[in-house]
Amino acid sequence: MNRSVHVEVYQERSIDLPPPTVCNLRPEPSWMDAVITYKERRELPEDKLLARTLKRYNNRFVIDAKVELMRKSFSTPLLKCVGPTETDYILREIHLGICGNHIGGRTLAHKTLRAGYWWPTMISEVKAMTKKCEKCQKFALGHPPTSSNLAINIIPLTICTMGNGHHWSVSLGCKSKEVIDRGS
């Protein structure tokens, strides 16, 4: 069996090389951009409604030492605010991942909060994801039966006593039949 090992030889020491450039890790626009800009530079967006909302909810957010946006929570530690690309991965991992158990929408949202993540459209995205999940829809409880999976037909049945004897009138759909019990 042929095995080869590739060895790279540097002409100069690696500590003498120029430092690597930092790439933008979040290239797409996100809901967090306005909050981070306001927290760092106190710049408000031009949209008056967004600016007023940002001022009102400013104290719910904190920028940590890693320059990540965190949201204060009432009963849990700080929640990491995530953008659109991370939300899809987080939801798939919690819902379908190795420990995923195809839980419902509201429960999945609470489990995501307990995992330490938050974004403003969490509830609607979680509900949409569980509606698209084939296994969740197939095995969900509480769906009304359709004609294909209905095992028995329910026929309206009315029973009445008539007179002093044991006369019974049985109504089966449109036909009715009189049954007389003569005793044994």
N, C-alpha and C. Protein backbone atom coordinates (compact mmCIF):
# COMPACT_ATOMS: atom_id res chain seq x y z
N MET A 1 0.84 -1.16 0.00
CA MET A 1 0.00 0.00 0.00
C MET A 1 0.90 1.24 0.00
N ASN A 2 0.66 2.14 -0.94
CA ASN A 2 1.44 3.38 -1.05
C ASN A 2 0.84 4.46 -0.16
N ARG A 3 1.64 5.03 0.67
CA ARG A 3 1.18 6.15 1.50
C ARG A 3 2.15 7.30 1.27
N SER A 4 1.59 8.48 1.19
CA SER A 4 2.45 9.64 1.01
C SER A 4 2.06 10.72 2.00
N VAL A 5 3.02 11.44 2.46
CA VAL A 5 2.81 12.54 3.40
C VAL A 5 3.32 13.80 2.74
N HIS A 6 2.46 14.79 2.65
CA HIS A 6 2.84 16.08 2.06
C HIS A 6 3.36 16.99 3.15
N VAL A 7 4.52 17.52 2.95
CA VAL A 7 5.15 18.41 3.92
C VAL A 7 5.33 19.76 3.25
N GLU A 8 4.91 20.82 3.96
CA GLU A 8 5.06 22.17 3.45
C GLU A 8 6.17 22.86 4.24
N VAL A 9 7.12 23.41 3.55
CA VAL A 9 8.26 24.06 4.19
C VAL A 9 8.15 25.56 3.95
N TYR A 10 8.15 26.31 5.06
CA TYR A 10 8.10 27.77 4.98
C TYR A 10 9.53 28.32 4.93
N GLN A 11 9.71 29.36 4.14
CA GLN A 11 11.03 30.00 4.04
C GLN A 11 11.27 30.96 5.21
N GLU A 12 10.17 31.46 5.81
CA GLU A 12 10.31 32.37 6.94
C GLU A 12 9.42 31.88 8.08
N ARG A 13 9.65 32.40 9.27
CA ARG A 13 8.88 31.97 10.44
C ARG A 13 7.43 32.41 10.31
N SER A 14 6.53 31.61 10.85
CA SER A 14 5.11 31.93 10.73
C SER A 14 4.71 33.13 11.58
N ILE A 15 5.45 33.42 12.64
CA ILE A 15 5.10 34.59 13.45
C ILE A 15 5.49 35.89 12.77
N ASP A 16 6.32 35.80 11.74
CA ASP A 16 6.71 36.99 11.00
C ASP A 16 5.73 37.31 9.86
N LEU A 17 4.82 36.40 9.59
CA LEU A 17 3.84 36.63 8.51
C LEU A 17 2.86 37.72 8.94
N PRO A 18 2.25 38.44 7.98
CA PRO A 18 1.26 39.46 8.35
C PRO A 18 0.03 38.81 8.97
N PRO A 19 -0.64 39.53 9.86
CA PRO A 19 -1.82 38.95 10.52
C PRO A 19 -2.92 38.69 9.48
N PRO A 20 -3.72 37.68 9.72
CA PRO A 20 -4.81 37.39 8.77
C PRO A 20 -5.87 38.49 8.79
N THR A 21 -6.56 38.64 7.69
CA THR A 21 -7.62 39.64 7.62
C THR A 21 -8.89 39.07 8.23
N VAL A 22 -9.68 39.94 8.79
CA VAL A 22 -10.94 39.52 9.41
C VAL A 22 -12.05 39.64 8.37
N CYS A 23 -12.79 38.57 8.22
CA CYS A 23 -13.90 38.56 7.26
C CYS A 23 -15.20 38.84 8.00
N ASN A 24 -16.14 39.42 7.29
CA ASN A 24 -17.45 39.67 7.87
C ASN A 24 -18.20 38.34 7.94
N LEU A 25 -18.58 37.95 9.15
CA LEU A 25 -19.26 36.67 9.32
C LEU A 25 -20.75 36.75 9.06
N ARG A 26 -21.31 37.95 9.03
CA ARG A 26 -22.74 38.12 8.83
C ARG A 26 -22.97 39.04 7.62
N PRO A 27 -22.82 38.51 6.39
CA PRO A 27 -22.92 39.39 5.23
C PRO A 27 -24.34 39.87 4.93
N GLU A 28 -25.35 39.08 5.27
CA GLU A 28 -26.71 39.49 4.94
C GLU A 28 -27.24 40.45 6.00
N PRO A 29 -28.15 41.33 5.61
CA PRO A 29 -28.72 42.25 6.59
C PRO A 29 -29.56 41.47 7.60
N SER A 30 -29.59 41.97 8.81
CA SER A 30 -30.28 41.27 9.88
C SER A 30 -31.05 42.27 10.73
N TRP A 31 -31.98 41.78 11.50
CA TRP A 31 -32.74 42.63 12.40
C TRP A 31 -31.83 43.18 13.49
N MET A 32 -30.69 42.52 13.74
CA MET A 32 -29.79 42.94 14.81
C MET A 32 -28.96 44.16 14.46
N ASP A 33 -28.83 44.47 13.18
CA ASP A 33 -27.97 45.57 12.75
C ASP A 33 -28.37 46.91 13.38
N ALA A 34 -29.66 47.21 13.38
CA ALA A 34 -30.12 48.48 13.94
C ALA A 34 -29.89 48.54 15.45
N VAL A 35 -30.10 47.41 16.12
CA VAL A 35 -29.91 47.38 17.58
C VAL A 35 -28.43 47.56 17.92
N ILE A 36 -27.55 46.86 17.20
CA ILE A 36 -26.11 46.97 17.47
C ILE A 36 -25.61 48.39 17.17
N THR A 37 -26.07 48.98 16.07
CA THR A 37 -25.68 50.34 15.72
C THR A 37 -26.10 51.33 16.81
N TYR A 38 -27.32 51.16 17.32
CA TYR A 38 -27.80 52.06 18.36
C TYR A 38 -27.04 51.84 19.67
N LYS A 39 -26.75 50.60 20.00
CA LYS A 39 -26.03 50.31 21.24
C LYS A 39 -24.59 50.85 21.20
N GLU A 40 -23.92 50.71 20.05
CA GLU A 40 -22.51 51.11 19.96
C GLU A 40 -22.32 52.60 19.69
N ARG A 41 -23.13 53.16 18.76
CA ARG A 41 -22.89 54.55 18.34
C ARG A 41 -24.04 55.50 18.65
N ARG A 42 -25.11 54.99 19.23
CA ARG A 42 -26.30 55.80 19.53
C ARG A 42 -26.90 56.44 18.28
N GLU A 43 -26.81 55.76 17.14
CA GLU A 43 -27.41 56.25 15.90
C GLU A 43 -28.76 55.60 15.71
N LEU A 44 -29.78 56.42 15.50
CA LEU A 44 -31.13 55.90 15.27
C LEU A 44 -31.41 55.78 13.78
N PRO A 45 -32.23 54.81 13.39
CA PRO A 45 -32.61 54.72 11.98
C PRO A 45 -33.52 55.88 11.59
N GLU A 46 -33.65 56.13 10.30
CA GLU A 46 -34.45 57.26 9.83
C GLU A 46 -35.94 57.01 9.97
N ASP A 47 -36.36 55.75 9.96
CA ASP A 47 -37.77 55.41 10.14
C ASP A 47 -38.19 55.75 11.58
N LYS A 48 -39.18 56.65 11.72
CA LYS A 48 -39.59 57.15 13.04
C LYS A 48 -40.14 56.03 13.92
N LEU A 49 -40.96 55.15 13.34
CA LEU A 49 -41.55 54.06 14.12
C LEU A 49 -40.48 53.10 14.62
N LEU A 50 -39.55 52.74 13.74
CA LEU A 50 -38.45 51.85 14.13
C LEU A 50 -37.56 52.50 15.19
N ALA A 51 -37.32 53.81 15.05
CA ALA A 51 -36.50 54.53 16.02
C ALA A 51 -37.16 54.55 17.40
N ARG A 52 -38.46 54.80 17.43
CA ARG A 52 -39.19 54.82 18.70
C ARG A 52 -39.21 53.43 19.35
N THR A 53 -39.41 52.40 18.53
CA THR A 53 -39.40 51.03 19.04
C THR A 53 -38.02 50.66 19.57
N LEU A 54 -37.00 51.07 18.88
CA LEU A 54 -35.62 50.79 19.29
C LEU A 54 -35.30 51.45 20.62
N LYS A 55 -35.74 52.69 20.81
CA LYS A 55 -35.52 53.37 22.09
C LYS A 55 -36.25 52.66 23.23
N ARG A 56 -37.47 52.20 22.94
CA ARG A 56 -38.28 51.56 23.97
C ARG A 56 -37.68 50.23 24.42
N TYR A 57 -37.20 49.43 23.46
CA TYR A 57 -36.68 48.10 23.79
C TYR A 57 -35.17 48.04 23.94
N ASN A 58 -34.51 49.17 23.98
CA ASN A 58 -33.05 49.24 24.08
C ASN A 58 -32.52 48.55 25.33
N ASN A 59 -33.18 48.73 26.46
CA ASN A 59 -32.66 48.17 27.71
C ASN A 59 -32.82 46.66 27.81
N ARG A 60 -33.48 46.01 26.86
CA ARG A 60 -33.60 44.55 26.87
C ARG A 60 -32.40 43.85 26.23
N PHE A 61 -31.52 44.61 25.61
CA PHE A 61 -30.38 44.03 24.90
C PHE A 61 -29.06 44.48 25.51
N VAL A 62 -28.05 43.60 25.41
CA VAL A 62 -26.71 43.86 25.92
C VAL A 62 -25.72 43.35 24.89
N ILE A 63 -24.60 44.05 24.72
CA ILE A 63 -23.53 43.55 23.87
C ILE A 63 -22.46 42.99 24.80
N ASP A 64 -22.14 41.70 24.64
CA ASP A 64 -21.18 41.06 25.54
C ASP A 64 -19.74 41.29 25.09
N ALA A 65 -18.79 40.65 25.77
CA ALA A 65 -17.36 40.86 25.49
C ALA A 65 -16.96 40.38 24.11
N LYS A 66 -17.68 39.41 23.56
CA LYS A 66 -17.37 38.89 22.22
C LYS A 66 -18.06 39.71 21.12
N VAL A 67 -18.63 40.84 21.48
CA VAL A 67 -19.37 41.73 20.58
C VAL A 67 -20.53 40.97 19.93
N GLU A 68 -21.23 40.18 20.74
CA GLU A 68 -22.44 39.50 20.31
C GLU A 68 -23.62 40.15 21.01
N LEU A 69 -24.73 40.24 20.31
CA LEU A 69 -25.93 40.82 20.88
C LEU A 69 -26.65 39.77 21.72
N MET A 70 -26.94 40.12 22.97
CA MET A 70 -27.62 39.22 23.89
C MET A 70 -28.89 39.90 24.36
N ARG A 71 -29.92 39.09 24.63
CA ARG A 71 -31.19 39.62 25.12
C ARG A 71 -31.39 39.21 26.56
N LYS A 72 -31.77 40.17 27.39
CA LYS A 72 -32.07 39.87 28.78
C LYS A 72 -33.40 39.14 28.83
N SER A 73 -33.49 38.18 29.74
CA SER A 73 -34.71 37.41 29.88
C SER A 73 -35.17 37.46 31.33
N PHE A 74 -36.43 37.22 31.54
CA PHE A 74 -36.99 37.31 32.89
C PHE A 74 -36.53 36.16 33.78
N SER A 75 -36.60 34.92 33.26
CA SER A 75 -36.32 33.76 34.11
C SER A 75 -35.15 32.91 33.64
N THR A 76 -34.44 33.35 32.61
CA THR A 76 -33.30 32.58 32.11
C THR A 76 -32.09 33.50 32.01
N PRO A 77 -30.91 32.92 31.82
CA PRO A 77 -29.73 33.78 31.61
C PRO A 77 -29.85 34.53 30.28
N LEU A 78 -28.82 35.28 29.93
CA LEU A 78 -28.84 36.02 28.68
C LEU A 78 -29.04 35.09 27.49
N LEU A 79 -29.89 35.49 26.56
CA LEU A 79 -30.17 34.70 25.37
C LEU A 79 -29.39 35.26 24.19
N LYS A 80 -28.75 34.41 23.42
CA LYS A 80 -27.97 34.86 22.27
C LYS A 80 -28.93 35.22 21.14
N CYS A 81 -28.82 36.41 20.61
CA CYS A 81 -29.64 36.84 19.48
C CYS A 81 -29.00 36.30 18.20
N VAL A 82 -29.81 35.69 17.37
CA VAL A 82 -29.30 35.06 16.14
C VAL A 82 -29.99 35.64 14.92
N GLY A 83 -29.26 35.59 13.80
CA GLY A 83 -29.76 36.10 12.53
C GLY A 83 -30.50 35.03 11.74
N PRO A 84 -30.96 35.38 10.54
CA PRO A 84 -31.79 34.48 9.74
C PRO A 84 -31.12 33.17 9.34
N THR A 85 -29.83 33.19 9.03
CA THR A 85 -29.19 31.94 8.60
C THR A 85 -28.99 30.99 9.77
N GLU A 86 -28.74 31.51 10.94
CA GLU A 86 -28.54 30.65 12.11
C GLU A 86 -29.85 30.07 12.62
N THR A 87 -30.95 30.80 12.45
CA THR A 87 -32.23 30.32 12.97
C THR A 87 -32.65 29.01 12.32
N ASP A 88 -32.46 28.90 11.02
CA ASP A 88 -32.85 27.69 10.32
C ASP A 88 -32.06 26.49 10.83
N TYR A 89 -30.76 26.66 11.01
CA TYR A 89 -29.92 25.57 11.51
C TYR A 89 -30.32 25.19 12.94
N ILE A 90 -30.55 26.17 13.79
CA ILE A 90 -30.90 25.91 15.19
C ILE A 90 -32.21 25.14 15.27
N LEU A 91 -33.22 25.59 14.52
CA LEU A 91 -34.52 24.92 14.56
C LEU A 91 -34.43 23.49 14.03
N ARG A 92 -33.71 23.30 12.92
CA ARG A 92 -33.57 21.94 12.38
C ARG A 92 -32.85 21.04 13.37
N GLU A 93 -31.83 21.56 14.03
CA GLU A 93 -31.07 20.74 14.97
C GLU A 93 -31.91 20.36 16.19
N ILE A 94 -32.69 21.28 16.70
CA ILE A 94 -33.51 20.98 17.88
C ILE A 94 -34.70 20.10 17.49
N HIS A 95 -35.31 20.35 16.35
CA HIS A 95 -36.52 19.63 15.96
C HIS A 95 -36.22 18.28 15.31
N LEU A 96 -35.23 18.23 14.43
CA LEU A 96 -34.95 17.02 13.67
C LEU A 96 -33.63 16.36 14.04
N GLY A 97 -32.82 17.00 14.86
CA GLY A 97 -31.46 16.53 15.14
C GLY A 97 -31.40 15.21 15.87
N ILE A 98 -30.23 14.91 16.39
CA ILE A 98 -30.01 13.61 17.01
C ILE A 98 -30.90 13.40 18.23
N CYS A 99 -31.21 14.45 18.95
CA CYS A 99 -32.11 14.34 20.10
C CYS A 99 -33.49 14.91 19.79
N GLY A 100 -33.75 15.19 18.53
CA GLY A 100 -35.03 15.77 18.14
C GLY A 100 -36.16 14.77 18.28
N ASN A 101 -37.30 15.24 18.72
CA ASN A 101 -38.43 14.34 18.90
C ASN A 101 -39.70 14.88 18.26
N HIS A 102 -39.57 15.76 17.28
CA HIS A 102 -40.70 16.29 16.53
C HIS A 102 -41.79 16.86 17.44
N ILE A 103 -41.38 17.75 18.34
CA ILE A 103 -42.34 18.38 19.24
C ILE A 103 -43.10 19.46 18.49
N GLY A 104 -44.20 19.90 19.07
CA GLY A 104 -45.05 20.90 18.44
C GLY A 104 -44.45 22.29 18.47
N GLY A 105 -45.15 23.24 17.87
CA GLY A 105 -44.65 24.58 17.67
C GLY A 105 -44.29 25.33 18.93
N ARG A 106 -45.25 25.45 19.85
CA ARG A 106 -45.01 26.23 21.05
C ARG A 106 -43.94 25.59 21.94
N THR A 107 -43.96 24.27 22.03
CA THR A 107 -42.97 23.56 22.83
C THR A 107 -41.58 23.70 22.23
N LEU A 108 -41.50 23.67 20.90
CA LEU A 108 -40.22 23.84 20.22
C LEU A 108 -39.66 25.24 20.47
N ALA A 109 -40.53 26.24 20.49
CA ALA A 109 -40.08 27.61 20.77
C ALA A 109 -39.54 27.71 22.20
N HIS A 110 -40.21 27.10 23.16
CA HIS A 110 -39.72 27.14 24.55
C HIS A 110 -38.42 26.36 24.71
N LYS A 111 -38.29 25.26 23.98
CA LYS A 111 -37.04 24.48 24.04
C LYS A 111 -35.89 25.29 23.44
N THR A 112 -36.17 26.05 22.38
CA THR A 112 -35.15 26.91 21.78
C THR A 112 -34.72 28.00 22.76
N LEU A 113 -35.67 28.56 23.49
CA LEU A 113 -35.34 29.57 24.51
C LEU A 113 -34.50 28.95 25.62
N ARG A 114 -34.85 27.74 26.05
CA ARG A 114 -34.05 27.07 27.08
C ARG A 114 -32.65 26.74 26.60
N ALA A 115 -32.49 26.55 25.29
CA ALA A 115 -31.16 26.30 24.72
C ALA A 115 -30.33 27.57 24.68
N GLY A 116 -30.99 28.75 24.83
CA GLY A 116 -30.25 30.00 24.94
C GLY A 116 -30.27 30.86 23.69
N TYR A 117 -31.25 30.68 22.80
CA TYR A 117 -31.33 31.47 21.56
C TYR A 117 -32.62 32.27 21.53
N TRP A 118 -32.56 33.43 20.83
CA TRP A 118 -33.74 34.27 20.67
C TRP A 118 -33.65 35.06 19.38
N TRP A 119 -34.81 35.25 18.73
CA TRP A 119 -34.97 36.18 17.62
C TRP A 119 -36.43 36.60 17.61
N PRO A 120 -36.75 37.76 17.03
CA PRO A 120 -38.10 38.31 17.18
C PRO A 120 -39.22 37.50 16.53
N THR A 121 -38.94 36.79 15.46
CA THR A 121 -40.00 36.06 14.76
C THR A 121 -39.97 34.56 15.09
N MET A 122 -39.50 34.24 16.28
CA MET A 122 -39.32 32.84 16.66
C MET A 122 -40.63 32.04 16.61
N ILE A 123 -41.68 32.53 17.19
CA ILE A 123 -42.94 31.78 17.28
C ILE A 123 -43.50 31.48 15.90
N SER A 124 -43.56 32.49 15.02
CA SER A 124 -44.14 32.25 13.70
C SER A 124 -43.28 31.31 12.87
N GLU A 125 -41.95 31.41 12.97
CA GLU A 125 -41.08 30.52 12.22
C GLU A 125 -41.17 29.08 12.72
N VAL A 126 -41.30 28.91 14.02
CA VAL A 126 -41.41 27.57 14.59
C VAL A 126 -42.72 26.92 14.16
N LYS A 127 -43.81 27.67 14.20
CA LYS A 127 -45.10 27.12 13.78
C LYS A 127 -45.09 26.75 12.30
N ALA A 128 -44.47 27.59 11.48
CA ALA A 128 -44.37 27.29 10.05
C ALA A 128 -43.53 26.03 9.81
N MET A 129 -42.46 25.87 10.59
CA MET A 129 -41.61 24.69 10.41
C MET A 129 -42.35 23.41 10.79
N THR A 130 -43.10 23.43 11.89
CA THR A 130 -43.81 22.23 12.29
C THR A 130 -44.96 21.91 11.35
N LYS A 131 -45.53 22.92 10.69
CA LYS A 131 -46.56 22.66 9.69
C LYS A 131 -45.99 22.03 8.43
N LYS A 132 -44.72 22.31 8.13
CA LYS A 132 -44.08 21.74 6.95
C LYS A 132 -43.49 20.36 7.20
N CYS A 133 -43.27 20.00 8.46
CA CYS A 133 -42.64 18.73 8.80
C CYS A 133 -43.62 17.58 8.52
N GLU A 134 -43.22 16.67 7.64
CA GLU A 134 -44.10 15.58 7.22
C GLU A 134 -44.41 14.63 8.38
N LYS A 135 -43.41 14.28 9.18
CA LYS A 135 -43.63 13.36 10.29
C LYS A 135 -44.54 13.97 11.34
N CYS A 136 -44.39 15.26 11.59
CA CYS A 136 -45.25 15.93 12.57
C CYS A 136 -46.71 15.90 12.11
N GLN A 137 -46.93 16.11 10.84
CA GLN A 137 -48.30 16.11 10.32
C GLN A 137 -48.88 14.70 10.27
N LYS A 138 -48.04 13.72 9.98
CA LYS A 138 -48.52 12.35 9.86
C LYS A 138 -48.96 11.78 11.20
N PHE A 139 -48.21 12.05 12.24
CA PHE A 139 -48.49 11.44 13.52
C PHE A 139 -49.08 12.40 14.54
N ALA A 140 -49.56 13.54 14.10
CA ALA A 140 -50.12 14.52 15.03
C ALA A 140 -51.44 14.03 15.59
N LEU A 141 -51.72 14.39 16.84
CA LEU A 141 -52.97 14.03 17.48
C LEU A 141 -53.99 15.14 17.26
N GLY A 142 -55.25 14.76 17.26
CA GLY A 142 -56.30 15.75 17.21
C GLY A 142 -56.77 16.13 15.82
N HIS A 143 -56.28 15.46 14.77
CA HIS A 143 -56.78 15.76 13.45
C HIS A 143 -58.14 15.11 13.26
N PRO A 144 -59.11 15.80 12.65
CA PRO A 144 -60.40 15.19 12.42
C PRO A 144 -60.27 14.05 11.41
N PRO A 145 -61.00 12.95 11.61
CA PRO A 145 -60.88 11.82 10.69
C PRO A 145 -61.44 12.17 9.32
N THR A 146 -60.80 11.65 8.30
CA THR A 146 -61.28 11.82 6.94
C THR A 146 -62.05 10.57 6.54
N SER A 147 -62.73 10.61 5.41
CA SER A 147 -63.54 9.46 5.00
C SER A 147 -62.67 8.24 4.70
N SER A 148 -61.41 8.44 4.34
CA SER A 148 -60.55 7.31 4.02
C SER A 148 -60.08 6.56 5.27
N ASN A 149 -59.94 7.25 6.40
CA ASN A 149 -59.47 6.55 7.59
C ASN A 149 -60.55 6.36 8.64
N LEU A 150 -61.79 6.59 8.29
CA LEU A 150 -62.89 6.38 9.20
C LEU A 150 -63.26 4.91 9.19
N ALA A 151 -63.15 4.23 10.30
CA ALA A 151 -63.33 2.78 10.35
C ALA A 151 -64.80 2.38 10.27
N ILE A 152 -65.67 3.09 10.94
CA ILE A 152 -67.08 2.71 10.93
C ILE A 152 -67.92 3.90 10.52
N ASN A 153 -69.05 3.61 9.96
CA ASN A 153 -70.02 4.65 9.66
C ASN A 153 -70.97 4.77 10.83
N ILE A 154 -71.22 5.96 11.24
CA ILE A 154 -72.12 6.18 12.37
C ILE A 154 -73.52 6.41 11.80
N ILE A 155 -74.44 5.53 12.17
CA ILE A 155 -75.81 5.61 11.67
C ILE A 155 -76.67 6.16 12.79
N PRO A 156 -77.49 7.16 12.49
CA PRO A 156 -78.35 7.68 13.55
C PRO A 156 -79.35 6.60 13.99
N LEU A 157 -79.41 6.39 15.28
CA LEU A 157 -80.23 5.32 15.83
C LEU A 157 -81.10 5.90 16.93
N THR A 158 -82.40 5.78 16.77
CA THR A 158 -83.31 6.24 17.81
C THR A 158 -84.18 5.08 18.25
N ILE A 159 -84.33 4.95 19.53
CA ILE A 159 -85.14 3.87 20.08
C ILE A 159 -86.18 4.50 21.00
N CYS A 160 -87.43 4.13 20.80
CA CYS A 160 -88.52 4.67 21.60
C CYS A 160 -89.38 3.52 22.10
N THR A 161 -89.95 3.65 23.29
CA THR A 161 -90.93 2.67 23.77
C THR A 161 -92.30 3.16 23.40
N MET A 162 -93.17 2.21 23.08
CA MET A 162 -94.52 2.60 22.66
C MET A 162 -95.53 1.78 23.47
N GLY A 163 -96.40 2.43 24.18
CA GLY A 163 -97.48 1.76 24.91
C GLY A 163 -96.97 1.01 26.13
N ASN A 164 -97.84 0.09 26.60
CA ASN A 164 -97.52 -0.67 27.80
C ASN A 164 -96.66 -1.88 27.50
N GLY A 165 -96.69 -2.36 26.26
CA GLY A 165 -95.93 -3.56 25.90
C GLY A 165 -94.47 -3.21 25.64
N HIS A 166 -93.81 -4.14 25.07
CA HIS A 166 -92.40 -3.96 24.76
C HIS A 166 -92.24 -3.74 23.27
N HIS A 167 -92.85 -2.70 22.74
CA HIS A 167 -92.72 -2.36 21.34
C HIS A 167 -91.58 -1.36 21.19
N TRP A 168 -90.69 -1.60 20.29
CA TRP A 168 -89.56 -0.70 20.04
C TRP A 168 -89.61 -0.25 18.61
N SER A 169 -89.35 0.99 18.39
CA SER A 169 -89.25 1.53 17.04
C SER A 169 -87.78 1.90 16.82
N VAL A 170 -87.16 1.24 15.85
CA VAL A 170 -85.75 1.47 15.56
C VAL A 170 -85.64 2.21 14.24
N SER A 171 -84.99 3.33 14.23
CA SER A 171 -84.82 4.12 13.02
C SER A 171 -83.38 3.97 12.53
N LEU A 172 -83.20 3.41 11.33
CA LEU A 172 -81.90 3.24 10.72
C LEU A 172 -81.83 4.10 9.48
N GLY A 173 -81.30 5.29 9.59
CA GLY A 173 -81.23 6.18 8.45
C GLY A 173 -82.62 6.59 8.03
N CYS A 174 -83.02 6.21 6.81
CA CYS A 174 -84.34 6.57 6.29
C CYS A 174 -85.38 5.50 6.56
N LYS A 175 -84.95 4.24 6.76
CA LYS A 175 -85.89 3.13 6.97
C LYS A 175 -86.16 2.96 8.45
N SER A 176 -87.36 2.57 8.77
CA SER A 176 -87.67 2.28 10.16
C SER A 176 -88.28 0.90 10.24
N LYS A 177 -88.07 0.21 11.33
CA LYS A 177 -88.55 -1.15 11.50
C LYS A 177 -89.09 -1.26 12.91
N GLU A 178 -90.24 -1.91 13.04
CA GLU A 178 -90.84 -2.07 14.36
C GLU A 178 -90.47 -3.44 14.90
N VAL A 179 -90.01 -3.48 16.10
CA VAL A 179 -89.62 -4.72 16.76
C VAL A 179 -90.55 -4.95 17.95
N ILE A 180 -91.15 -6.14 18.03
CA ILE A 180 -92.06 -6.44 19.13
C ILE A 180 -91.41 -7.52 19.98
N ASP A 181 -91.30 -7.26 21.28
CA ASP A 181 -90.74 -8.23 22.20
C ASP A 181 -91.89 -8.94 22.89
N ARG A 182 -92.09 -10.22 22.63
CA ARG A 182 -93.20 -10.97 23.20
C ARG A 182 -92.82 -11.60 24.53
N GLY A 183 -91.65 -11.42 24.95
CA GLY A 183 -91.21 -12.03 26.19
C GLY A 183 -90.80 -13.47 25.94
N SER A 184 -90.06 -14.09 26.83
CA SER A 184 -89.64 -15.46 26.58
C SER A 184 -90.38 -16.44 27.41
